[in-house]
Protein backbone atom coordinates (compact mmCIF):
# COMPACT_ATOMS: atom_id res chain seq x y z
CA MET A 1 119.70 76.59 116.00
CA ARG A 2 118.45 79.29 113.66
CA GLN A 3 116.20 78.00 110.90
CA PRO A 4 117.51 78.42 107.31
CA VAL A 5 115.85 81.16 105.30
CA ALA A 6 114.97 80.63 101.64
CA ILE A 7 116.98 83.13 99.59
CA ILE A 8 115.41 84.66 96.47
CA ALA A 9 116.07 87.58 94.17
CA ASN A 10 114.76 90.98 95.19
CA LYS A 11 111.07 90.80 94.32
CA VAL A 12 109.90 94.38 94.40
CA PRO A 13 110.32 97.11 91.73
CA GLU A 14 112.73 100.00 91.70
CA ILE A 15 111.31 103.15 93.32
CA THR A 16 110.80 105.57 90.42
CA ALA A 17 108.23 108.16 89.45
CA LEU A 18 106.44 105.49 87.39
CA PHE A 19 106.32 103.25 90.49
CA TRP A 20 104.52 105.98 92.48
CA ALA A 21 102.14 106.76 89.61
CA THR A 22 101.22 103.08 89.27
CA LYS A 23 100.81 102.71 93.02
CA ILE A 24 98.39 105.65 93.20
CA LEU A 25 96.38 104.24 90.29
CA THR A 26 96.07 100.88 92.02
CA THR A 27 94.81 102.53 95.19
CA GLY A 28 92.11 104.31 93.22
CA MET A 29 91.12 101.18 91.35
CA GLY A 30 90.97 99.19 94.59
CA GLU A 31 88.57 101.72 96.08
CA THR A 32 86.14 101.95 93.16
CA THR A 33 86.31 98.26 92.30
CA SER A 34 85.50 97.31 95.88
CA ASP A 35 82.56 99.73 95.91
CA PHE A 36 81.32 98.45 92.56
CA ILE A 37 81.48 94.82 93.61
CA VAL A 38 79.67 95.19 96.95
CA THR A 39 76.93 97.33 95.43
CA THR A 40 76.44 95.06 92.40
CA ILE A 41 76.34 91.64 94.04
CA ASP A 42 75.78 90.38 97.55
CA PRO A 43 78.53 91.89 99.74
CA VAL A 44 79.30 88.58 101.43
CA VAL A 45 79.76 86.89 98.07
CA GLY A 46 81.83 89.84 96.85
CA VAL A 47 84.21 89.66 99.80
CA ALA A 48 84.53 85.90 99.44
CA VAL A 49 85.36 86.20 95.72
CA ALA A 50 87.89 88.93 96.41
CA PHE A 51 89.51 86.82 99.11
CA VAL A 52 89.83 83.80 96.80
CA ALA A 53 91.31 86.01 94.09
CA LEU A 54 93.76 87.49 96.61
CA VAL A 55 94.93 84.05 97.67
CA ALA A 56 95.36 83.03 94.04
CA VAL A 57 97.55 86.04 93.15
CA PHE A 58 99.54 85.63 96.32
CA ALA A 59 100.26 82.07 95.23
CA LEU A 60 101.56 83.41 91.91
CA GLN A 61 103.66 86.08 93.61
CA PHE A 62 105.25 83.77 96.18
CA GLN A 63 106.08 80.98 93.74
CA SER A 64 108.05 83.35 91.57
CA ARG A 65 111.77 83.61 92.36
CA ARG A 66 112.16 87.13 91.00
CA TYR A 67 110.26 90.33 90.38
CA VAL A 68 107.68 89.85 87.61
CA PRO A 69 105.94 93.20 86.90
CA TRP A 70 102.50 91.91 85.92
CA VAL A 71 102.37 89.43 88.80
CA TYR A 72 103.54 91.99 91.34
CA TRP A 73 101.11 94.70 90.27
CA LEU A 74 98.19 92.32 89.96
CA THR A 75 98.89 91.36 93.55
CA VAL A 76 98.95 95.02 94.56
CA VAL A 77 95.58 95.57 92.87
CA MET A 78 93.99 92.66 94.67
CA VAL A 79 95.50 93.73 97.98
CA SER A 80 94.00 97.17 97.28
CA VAL A 81 90.56 95.70 96.62
CA PHE A 82 90.58 93.40 99.62
CA GLY A 83 92.15 96.03 101.90
CA THR A 84 89.37 98.44 101.00
CA MET A 85 86.77 95.79 101.72
CA SER A 86 88.37 95.05 105.12
CA ALA A 87 88.12 98.69 106.15
CA ASP A 88 84.60 99.08 104.81
CA VAL A 89 83.36 95.89 106.46
CA ALA A 90 84.64 97.13 109.83
CA HIS A 91 82.53 100.29 109.41
CA VAL A 92 79.44 99.10 107.53
CA GLN A 93 78.89 95.61 108.92
CA PHE A 94 80.20 96.12 112.45
CA ASP A 95 79.40 99.83 112.83
CA ILE A 96 82.93 100.66 113.96
CA PRO A 97 83.57 104.42 113.65
CA TYR A 98 86.26 105.45 111.19
CA ALA A 99 88.29 107.08 113.94
CA ILE A 100 88.50 103.80 115.83
CA SER A 101 89.21 101.67 112.74
CA THR A 102 91.91 104.12 111.62
CA GLY A 103 93.57 103.84 115.03
CA ALA A 104 93.23 100.06 115.04
CA PHE A 105 94.78 99.66 111.57
CA ALA A 106 97.55 102.11 112.54
CA ALA A 107 98.28 99.95 115.61
CA ALA A 108 98.27 96.82 113.48
CA LEU A 109 100.69 98.41 111.04
CA ALA A 110 102.99 99.37 113.93
CA VAL A 111 102.92 95.74 115.15
CA VAL A 112 103.85 94.46 111.65
CA PHE A 113 106.68 96.96 111.35
CA SER A 114 107.96 96.07 114.81
CA ALA A 115 107.88 92.33 114.13
CA TRP A 116 109.58 92.84 110.78
CA TYR A 117 112.37 94.98 112.24
CA LEU A 118 112.93 92.82 115.30
CA THR A 119 113.19 89.75 113.09
CA GLU A 120 115.18 91.13 110.14
CA ARG A 121 116.81 94.29 111.56
CA THR A 122 115.74 96.18 108.46
CA LEU A 123 112.59 97.49 106.80
CA SER A 124 114.32 98.19 103.52
CA ILE A 125 112.34 97.36 100.37
CA HIS A 126 115.65 96.93 98.52
CA ARG A 127 116.21 93.60 100.25
CA ILE A 128 112.98 91.67 99.85
CA ASP A 129 115.11 88.64 99.10
CA SER A 130 113.76 85.91 101.33
CA THR A 131 110.36 84.32 101.81
CA ARG A 132 110.11 85.63 105.37
CA ARG A 133 110.87 89.20 104.33
CA GLU A 134 108.35 88.93 101.53
CA ILE A 135 105.68 87.84 104.02
CA PHE A 136 106.45 90.88 106.16
CA TYR A 137 106.39 93.13 103.09
CA TRP A 138 102.97 92.00 101.93
CA ALA A 139 101.55 92.08 105.46
CA THR A 140 102.69 95.70 105.61
CA VAL A 141 101.16 96.49 102.22
CA LEU A 142 97.79 94.92 103.12
CA THR A 143 97.62 96.68 106.48
CA SER A 144 98.67 100.01 104.95
CA PHE A 145 95.89 99.76 102.38
CA ALA A 146 93.27 99.18 105.07
CA LEU A 147 94.70 102.03 107.15
CA GLY A 148 94.71 104.42 104.19
CA THR A 149 91.13 103.54 103.31
CA ALA A 150 89.90 104.17 106.84
CA ALA A 151 91.89 107.43 107.13
CA GLY A 152 90.56 108.70 103.78
CA ASP A 153 86.99 107.95 104.74
CA LEU A 154 87.54 109.60 108.14
CA THR A 155 88.67 112.91 106.60
CA ALA A 156 86.12 112.80 103.77
CA THR A 157 82.99 111.95 105.74
CA VAL A 158 83.56 112.45 109.44
CA LEU A 159 85.71 115.56 109.25
CA GLY A 160 83.63 116.89 106.35
CA LEU A 161 86.44 117.55 103.86
CA GLY A 162 84.73 115.60 101.08
CA TYR A 163 86.51 113.28 98.67
CA PHE A 164 88.19 116.02 96.65
CA GLY A 165 89.32 117.89 99.75
CA SER A 166 90.72 114.70 101.25
CA GLY A 167 92.62 113.97 98.07
CA VAL A 168 94.18 117.44 98.16
CA LEU A 169 95.02 117.09 101.86
CA PHE A 170 96.81 113.79 101.47
CA THR A 171 98.59 114.92 98.30
CA ALA A 172 100.03 117.79 100.28
CA ALA A 173 100.91 115.38 103.11
CA ILE A 174 103.04 113.25 100.76
CA ALA A 175 105.26 116.28 100.19
CA VAL A 176 106.34 116.11 103.86
CA PRO A 177 108.41 112.87 103.64
CA ALA A 178 109.65 113.90 100.19
CA VAL A 179 110.95 117.23 101.47
CA GLY A 180 112.29 115.59 104.60
CA TYR A 181 114.23 113.05 102.59
CA ARG A 182 115.49 115.55 100.03
CA PHE A 183 116.49 118.44 102.31
CA PHE A 184 116.53 117.28 105.92
CA ARG A 185 118.16 113.85 105.77
CA LEU A 186 115.09 111.93 106.75
CA ASN A 187 115.86 108.22 106.64
CA GLY A 188 114.98 106.86 103.19
CA VAL A 189 113.16 103.80 104.52
CA VAL A 190 111.06 105.93 106.89
CA ALA A 191 110.28 108.40 104.06
CA PHE A 192 109.28 105.60 101.74
CA TRP A 193 106.83 103.94 104.09
CA ILE A 194 105.21 107.22 105.14
CA ALA A 195 104.66 108.12 101.49
CA TYR A 196 103.49 104.58 100.71
CA VAL A 197 100.78 104.71 103.33
CA LEU A 198 99.67 108.15 102.19
CA THR A 199 99.29 107.14 98.53
CA ARG A 200 96.33 105.04 99.56
CA PRO A 201 94.01 107.89 100.64
CA VAL A 202 95.26 110.03 97.75
CA GLY A 203 94.22 107.57 95.05
CA ALA A 204 91.09 106.38 96.86
CA SER A 205 89.83 109.90 97.58
CA PHE A 206 90.18 111.15 94.00
CA ALA A 207 88.73 107.89 92.60
CA ASP A 208 85.76 108.23 94.90
CA TRP A 209 85.31 111.86 93.87
CA PHE A 210 85.12 110.86 90.23
CA GLY A 211 82.99 107.79 90.83
CA VAL A 212 80.32 108.55 93.43
CA ALA A 213 77.10 110.40 92.83
CA PRO A 214 76.90 114.23 93.16
CA GLU A 215 74.68 113.94 96.28
CA ARG A 216 77.65 112.25 97.94
CA GLY A 217 80.05 114.93 96.82
CA GLY A 218 81.33 113.29 93.67
CA VAL A 219 81.31 113.85 89.93
CA GLY A 220 79.04 110.87 89.33
CA ILE A 221 80.93 109.07 86.53
CA GLY A 222 80.29 105.73 88.21
CA THR A 223 82.59 103.37 90.10
CA GLY A 224 82.46 100.71 87.39
CA LEU A 225 83.61 103.11 84.63
CA VAL A 226 86.26 104.67 86.80
CA SER A 227 87.59 101.18 87.60
CA LEU A 228 87.84 100.31 83.90
CA VAL A 229 89.70 103.53 83.11
CA LEU A 230 92.12 102.98 85.97
CA ALA A 231 92.64 99.34 84.92
CA ALA A 232 93.61 100.51 81.44
CA ALA A 233 95.99 103.12 82.87
CA ILE A 234 97.58 100.53 85.17
CA THR A 235 98.05 98.13 82.28
CA LEU A 236 99.91 100.80 80.32
CA CYS A 237 102.12 101.57 83.33
CA VAL A 238 102.94 97.88 83.87
CA ILE A 239 103.86 97.51 80.18
CA ALA A 240 106.23 100.46 80.55
CA LEU A 241 107.65 99.04 83.77
CA SER A 242 108.19 95.67 82.08
CA ARG A 243 110.31 97.33 79.42
CA SER A 244 112.44 99.23 81.91
CA PRO A 245 115.78 97.69 82.87
CA VAL A 246 115.81 96.21 86.35
CA ARG A 247 118.71 97.33 88.57
CA HIS A 248 118.91 95.43 91.83
CA ARG A 249 120.26 97.48 94.74
CA TRP A 250 121.44 95.71 97.85
CA ARG A 251 121.25 97.87 100.99
């Protein structure tokens, strides 16, 4: 007998221009905040604190029965921070090359997508209306953040594009699913998830470029200051999103 599934209201935001802007800001903040934490305090302690914070915000997100903007975006920020740390730990602590970690995270994302689709027969973000679907959704988000971090570092450092060059590259890449969806009938769910993964290296690359020292190819503003500016920008976006009417679409 099939187990009953807890039904909840759709718990993710509408896909608008403000959604994408906020998403890119969170990816940048996750990158610089992670770098600031692990270079300011002991990295092991930093990762442990980030993990505890991630569990706490997940508890808030999952106990809610509807989409709550500040809770949702706080969760995205913490997923961004911890996802960045996961990718960085694989490279720094275990000396795993970025090419290998990028491939491993891509494979992990494929596994999550496959399990989600085989279980639910959909990957649509317009129907995150059960606890099980929400688990798949956040597993996808977390894995995509780690993948995007590794891919961005791969192009910036290994392939020699630098942080700014990587940001430009991935910004151009986002146009591919957008054009495919708009003019060539690319499936909307496929286009969304391709763009979603690519927003990670876009935000992270530009945030790194602003934050890191000139000898590393950056502007040198500092990761702490960049994180604060991005946090303020995210707060303004979330306030705007909170005031926007919510229209639930069931597909």
